[in-house]
Amino acid sequence: MNEFTAEQRARKFVQSVNPTVVPVPLEPYLAQIGAKLSVDDELESGEAGYTMTAKGRHSIFVNGNDSPRRQRFTACHEIGHVVLELESEHGDPSWSYERRPPNEVCCDIFAAELLLPVSLFRPALLKRAMDVASLHDLAEQFEASLLATGSRMVAFSPEPCAFVVSQGGKVKYAFRSASLRSTKLWIPSGVALPETSYSAQLRKDPTHAGPFELDADVWFDNADGGTVVEDAIFDASRDQVLTLLCLDSEDMPEPTRDGPIRQDEEDTGLKELDGHLPWPSKG
């Protein structure tokens, strides 16, 4: 199964439940598949949850030592395994983008769609600025992870912007808004954080305060002038930086079909994730 299919099936599932309030309650989702949600306090750190199925009934367990937000994502991730009929593929922690198995990525996408449904998230985003303050506020409002919230902010924003996930000082993914993807500006994966970027400075000294205004070519390949406003969040426990980049519309180059096309930046559900989209299971 590819990410686009997972996204579309998740949206169809959400429509069948039709949530109308935030944070989105999980009970209707669970009832839709006939599942019971329980907390397992015996799970070790890194084991977010699992699903057991007997006689057509599903029992979903989440780690009682995890935060409420992570438990919510885990529950939705496990619902994804059931609805998409995908087996679990255990690997690195859910917040890590290192070698994330395809089935887990699809279920992460599914979970993000359930927690941040288009019908509710898009209107909420249009009332907000594209900055870290909005990222925190929306994540709290929807009780979702920062990673999932940030990627969907960019996915639905009409502004030319990007959400960059870096780990260990290297860029893992750069999710671009539709208006930014229509240009030749892009950020390669696997490269070190730009030395003069706010993100790199924040990783070295967490007391640094943003946002910063930089030349666009600090971040974007093929940038020809222009500036970018950068803001970021650093999680020292994961050595992970989440970066928001916003360009002035006047600095945007003309749309082009030339230049490299990155699979992780295609118009699929992956760009709306998080990791967080995140969460291994034992199902």
Protein backbone atom coordinates (compact mmCIF):
# COMPACT_ATOMS: atom_id res chain seq x y z
CA MET A 1 0.00 0.00 0.00
CA ASN A 2 1.27 3.48 -0.79
CA GLU A 3 0.91 6.63 1.28
CA PHE A 4 -1.69 8.26 -0.95
CA THR A 5 -3.99 5.25 -0.65
CA ALA A 6 -3.58 5.25 3.13
CA GLU A 7 -4.46 8.94 3.23
CA GLN A 8 -7.57 8.53 1.09
CA ARG A 9 -8.83 5.54 3.06
CA ALA A 10 -8.26 7.47 6.30
CA ARG A 11 -10.30 10.40 5.02
CA LYS A 12 -13.10 8.07 3.98
CA PHE A 13 -13.03 6.52 7.45
CA VAL A 14 -13.16 9.97 9.08
CA GLN A 15 -16.12 10.93 6.89
CA SER A 16 -18.00 7.83 8.05
CA VAL A 17 -17.62 8.99 11.64
CA ASN A 18 -17.94 12.73 10.90
CA PRO A 19 -16.25 14.29 13.97
CA THR A 20 -17.41 17.83 14.72
CA VAL A 21 -15.45 18.88 17.82
CA VAL A 22 -11.80 19.17 18.84
CA PRO A 23 -9.97 17.51 20.29
CA VAL A 24 -11.51 14.72 18.25
CA PRO A 25 -12.93 12.05 20.59
CA LEU A 26 -11.57 8.56 19.95
CA GLU A 27 -14.65 6.61 21.06
CA PRO A 28 -16.54 6.94 17.75
CA TYR A 29 -13.47 5.76 15.82
CA LEU A 30 -13.11 2.76 18.12
CA ALA A 31 -16.81 1.95 17.88
CA GLN A 32 -16.63 2.06 14.09
CA ILE A 33 -14.28 -0.94 14.07
CA GLY A 34 -15.64 -2.61 17.18
CA ALA A 35 -12.49 -2.08 19.23
CA LYS A 36 -11.83 -1.62 22.93
CA LEU A 37 -9.06 0.68 24.16
CA SER A 38 -7.03 -0.23 27.25
CA VAL A 39 -3.89 1.01 28.98
CA ASP A 40 -0.95 -1.33 29.53
CA ASP A 41 1.37 -0.11 32.30
CA GLU A 42 3.77 -2.99 31.75
CA LEU A 43 5.04 -1.84 28.36
CA GLU A 44 8.64 -0.67 28.19
CA SER A 45 9.78 2.69 26.93
CA GLY A 46 9.66 2.70 23.13
CA GLU A 47 6.77 0.24 23.01
CA ALA A 48 3.88 2.54 22.24
CA GLY A 49 1.11 -0.01 21.83
CA TYR A 50 -0.29 -3.08 20.11
CA THR A 51 -3.51 -4.71 18.97
CA MET A 52 -4.91 -8.13 19.78
CA THR A 53 -7.76 -9.64 17.75
CA ALA A 54 -9.97 -12.52 18.86
CA LYS A 55 -13.26 -13.67 17.34
CA GLY A 56 -13.47 -10.55 15.24
CA ARG A 57 -13.04 -8.21 18.19
CA HIS A 58 -10.07 -5.88 18.47
CA SER A 59 -8.38 -4.90 21.72
CA ILE A 60 -6.02 -1.94 21.41
CA PHE A 61 -3.47 -1.33 24.16
CA VAL A 62 -1.43 1.84 24.65
CA ASN A 63 1.57 2.42 26.91
CA GLY A 64 0.38 3.83 30.23
CA ASN A 65 3.76 5.53 30.71
CA ASP A 66 3.37 7.64 27.57
CA SER A 67 1.86 11.12 27.49
CA PRO A 68 -1.87 11.46 26.74
CA ARG A 69 -1.07 12.89 23.28
CA ARG A 70 1.13 9.99 22.38
CA GLN A 71 -1.46 7.53 23.65
CA ARG A 72 -4.04 9.18 21.36
CA PHE A 73 -1.74 8.89 18.36
CA THR A 74 -0.92 5.29 19.22
CA ALA A 75 -4.61 4.39 19.42
CA CYS A 76 -5.28 5.96 16.02
CA HIS A 77 -2.18 4.31 14.58
CA GLU A 78 -3.48 0.93 15.74
CA ILE A 79 -6.90 1.69 14.25
CA GLY A 80 -4.98 2.26 11.03
CA HIS A 81 -3.48 -1.23 11.21
CA VAL A 82 -6.99 -2.68 11.56
CA VAL A 83 -8.69 -0.64 8.83
CA LEU A 84 -5.81 -0.85 6.34
CA GLU A 85 -5.21 -4.51 7.21
CA LEU A 86 -1.48 -3.92 7.52
CA GLU A 87 0.80 -6.02 9.69
CA SER A 88 3.07 -4.32 12.18
CA GLU A 89 6.71 -3.78 11.22
CA HIS A 90 8.65 -2.94 14.34
CA GLY A 91 11.72 -0.79 14.02
CA ASP A 92 13.03 2.51 15.32
CA PRO A 93 11.05 4.69 17.75
CA SER A 94 7.97 6.24 16.24
CA TRP A 95 9.40 9.76 16.46
CA SER A 96 12.43 8.74 14.42
CA TYR A 97 12.54 8.88 10.63
CA GLU A 98 15.37 6.38 10.46
CA ARG A 99 14.33 3.38 8.35
CA ARG A 100 10.63 3.80 9.16
CA PRO A 101 8.92 0.69 7.70
CA PRO A 102 6.30 1.32 4.97
CA ASN A 103 3.40 -0.17 6.92
CA GLU A 104 4.20 2.01 9.92
CA VAL A 105 4.42 5.13 7.75
CA CYS A 106 0.99 4.39 6.26
CA CYS A 107 -0.51 3.94 9.73
CA ASP A 108 1.16 7.15 10.91
CA ILE A 109 -0.54 8.94 8.02
CA PHE A 110 -3.82 7.31 8.97
CA ALA A 111 -3.44 8.44 12.58
CA ALA A 112 -2.69 12.04 11.60
CA GLU A 113 -5.82 12.14 9.45
CA LEU A 114 -7.93 10.93 12.38
CA LEU A 115 -6.50 13.35 14.92
CA LEU A 116 -6.27 16.35 12.58
CA PRO A 117 -9.17 15.86 10.15
CA VAL A 118 -9.22 18.14 7.13
CA SER A 119 -12.70 19.49 7.83
CA LEU A 120 -11.67 20.75 11.27
CA PHE A 121 -7.96 21.48 10.91
CA ARG A 122 -8.00 23.59 7.74
CA PRO A 123 -10.44 26.22 9.16
CA ALA A 124 -8.44 26.38 12.40
CA LEU A 125 -5.20 26.91 10.48
CA LEU A 126 -6.56 29.78 8.38
CA LYS A 127 -6.98 31.82 11.56
CA ARG A 128 -3.32 31.36 12.53
CA ALA A 129 0.07 32.70 11.53
CA MET A 130 2.67 30.23 10.28
CA ASP A 131 4.91 30.27 13.33
CA VAL A 132 5.99 28.15 16.29
CA ALA A 133 3.39 29.76 18.57
CA SER A 134 0.63 28.57 16.24
CA LEU A 135 2.25 25.15 16.03
CA HIS A 136 2.13 24.80 19.81
CA ASP A 137 -1.43 26.16 20.04
CA LEU A 138 -2.84 23.89 17.33
CA ALA A 139 -1.06 20.82 18.72
CA GLU A 140 -2.58 21.55 22.13
CA GLN A 141 -6.02 22.30 20.68
CA PHE A 142 -6.14 19.01 18.72
CA GLU A 143 -4.15 17.07 21.32
CA ALA A 144 -1.71 15.93 18.63
CA SER A 145 2.06 15.78 18.32
CA LEU A 146 4.09 18.77 17.19
CA LEU A 147 5.48 16.76 14.29
CA ALA A 148 2.07 15.72 12.97
CA THR A 149 0.67 19.21 13.49
CA GLY A 150 3.59 20.97 11.82
CA SER A 151 3.55 18.82 8.71
CA ARG A 152 -0.19 19.37 8.26
CA MET A 153 0.17 23.11 8.82
CA VAL A 154 2.46 23.25 5.82
CA ALA A 155 0.34 20.84 3.78
CA PHE A 156 -2.74 23.06 4.08
CA SER A 157 -1.10 26.50 4.12
CA PRO A 158 -1.59 28.81 1.12
CA GLU A 159 1.71 30.50 1.97
CA PRO A 160 5.13 29.51 0.56
CA CYS A 161 6.53 27.65 3.55
CA ALA A 162 8.29 24.46 4.64
CA PHE A 163 8.43 22.25 7.72
CA VAL A 164 11.83 20.61 8.19
CA VAL A 165 12.45 17.59 10.42
CA SER A 166 16.09 17.08 11.38
CA GLN A 167 17.66 14.54 13.68
CA GLY A 168 21.22 14.30 14.90
CA GLY A 169 21.97 17.57 13.12
CA LYS A 170 20.91 16.27 9.69
CA VAL A 171 17.82 17.00 7.61
CA LYS A 172 15.54 13.96 7.37
CA TYR A 173 12.51 15.42 5.62
CA ALA A 174 11.44 18.79 4.28
CA PHE A 175 7.70 19.14 3.76
CA ARG A 176 6.79 22.01 1.42
CA SER A 177 3.49 23.81 0.93
CA ALA A 178 1.80 23.56 -2.47
CA SER A 179 2.87 27.09 -3.45
CA LEU A 180 6.49 26.31 -2.58
CA ARG A 181 6.45 22.98 -4.40
CA SER A 182 5.41 24.81 -7.57
CA THR A 183 8.85 26.49 -7.65
CA LYS A 184 12.40 25.21 -8.05
CA LEU A 185 13.15 25.79 -4.36
CA TRP A 186 13.78 22.64 -2.38
CA ILE A 187 15.75 21.32 0.59
CA PRO A 188 17.77 18.11 0.15
CA SER A 189 17.57 15.33 2.73
CA GLY A 190 20.60 13.88 4.46
CA VAL A 191 22.54 17.15 4.62
CA ALA A 192 23.72 18.85 7.80
CA LEU A 193 21.71 21.75 9.16
CA PRO A 194 23.05 24.98 7.64
CA GLU A 195 25.69 26.33 10.01
CA THR A 196 24.26 29.86 9.98
CA SER A 197 20.66 28.71 10.46
CA TYR A 198 18.72 29.36 13.64
CA SER A 199 18.04 25.61 13.90
CA ALA A 200 21.75 24.78 14.05
CA GLN A 201 22.37 27.50 16.63
CA LEU A 202 19.39 26.36 18.72
CA ARG A 203 20.74 22.80 18.75
CA LYS A 204 24.04 24.06 20.15
CA ASP A 205 22.49 26.55 22.56
CA PRO A 206 18.82 25.95 23.48
CA THR A 207 18.63 29.42 25.06
CA HIS A 208 18.65 31.03 21.60
CA ALA A 209 15.38 32.79 20.84
CA GLY A 210 13.81 33.07 17.40
CA PRO A 211 12.49 33.73 14.89
CA PHE A 212 15.40 34.72 12.63
CA GLU A 213 15.41 36.28 9.16
CA LEU A 214 17.99 34.79 6.80
CA ASP A 215 18.90 34.80 3.14
CA ALA A 216 16.80 32.17 1.38
CA ASP A 217 19.86 30.42 -0.06
CA VAL A 218 20.93 29.41 3.46
CA TRP A 219 18.18 26.78 3.32
CA PHE A 220 17.00 26.42 -0.26
CA ASP A 221 18.97 25.05 -3.17
CA ASN A 222 18.78 27.25 -6.28
CA ALA A 223 17.46 30.25 -4.35
CA ASP A 224 18.22 33.46 -6.23
CA GLY A 225 17.88 36.20 -3.64
CA GLY A 226 15.03 36.68 -1.20
CA THR A 227 14.74 36.08 2.52
CA VAL A 228 13.19 33.45 4.74
CA VAL A 229 11.86 33.72 8.29
CA GLU A 230 12.97 30.73 10.36
CA ASP A 231 11.59 29.52 13.66
CA ALA A 232 12.32 26.20 15.35
CA ILE A 233 11.78 23.85 18.29
CA PHE A 234 14.57 21.66 19.69
CA ASP A 235 13.92 18.42 21.56
CA ALA A 236 17.20 17.54 23.26
CA SER A 237 15.95 14.11 24.41
CA ARG A 238 15.58 13.07 20.77
CA ASP A 239 18.22 15.40 19.30
CA GLN A 240 15.45 16.49 16.96
CA VAL A 241 14.77 19.94 15.54
CA LEU A 242 11.44 20.94 13.98
CA THR A 243 11.84 23.99 11.76
CA LEU A 244 9.28 26.29 10.16
CA LEU A 245 10.45 28.33 7.16
CA CYS A 246 8.29 31.05 5.60
CA LEU A 247 9.17 33.04 2.49
CA ASP A 248 7.83 36.40 1.42
CA SER A 249 5.51 35.89 -1.55
CA GLU A 250 7.37 38.67 -3.38
CA ASP A 251 10.57 36.60 -3.13
CA MET A 252 9.03 33.58 -4.81
CA PRO A 253 10.50 32.52 -8.14
CA GLU A 254 8.18 31.74 -11.02
CA PRO A 255 6.53 28.30 -10.88
CA THR A 256 8.49 25.69 -12.80
CA ARG A 257 8.33 22.02 -13.63
CA ASP A 258 12.08 21.79 -13.76
CA GLY A 259 14.32 20.62 -10.92
CA PRO A 260 14.43 17.52 -8.80
CA ILE A 261 11.23 15.85 -7.63
CA ARG A 262 11.47 14.18 -4.25
CA GLN A 263 9.21 11.27 -3.43
CA ASP A 264 8.77 12.44 0.14
CA GLU A 265 7.53 15.80 -1.12
CA GLU A 266 4.91 14.58 -3.58
CA ASP A 267 1.31 15.50 -2.88
CA THR A 268 0.70 12.53 -0.61
CA GLY A 269 -0.20 11.97 3.00
CA LEU A 270 3.43 11.68 4.10
CA LYS A 271 3.97 15.40 3.94
CA GLU A 272 1.09 15.89 6.38
CA LEU A 273 2.54 13.61 8.96
CA ASP A 274 4.50 13.23 11.98
CA GLY A 275 5.73 11.02 12.98
CA HIS A 276 5.05 11.22 15.31
CA LEU A 277 3.92 10.44 12.83
CA PRO A 278 4.87 7.88 14.91
CA TRP A 279 4.25 4.66 16.69
CA PRO A 280 5.36 1.13 16.67
CA SER A 281 2.90 -1.56 17.58
CA LYS A 282 2.86 -5.20 18.48
CA GLY A 283 -0.36 -5.95 16.67
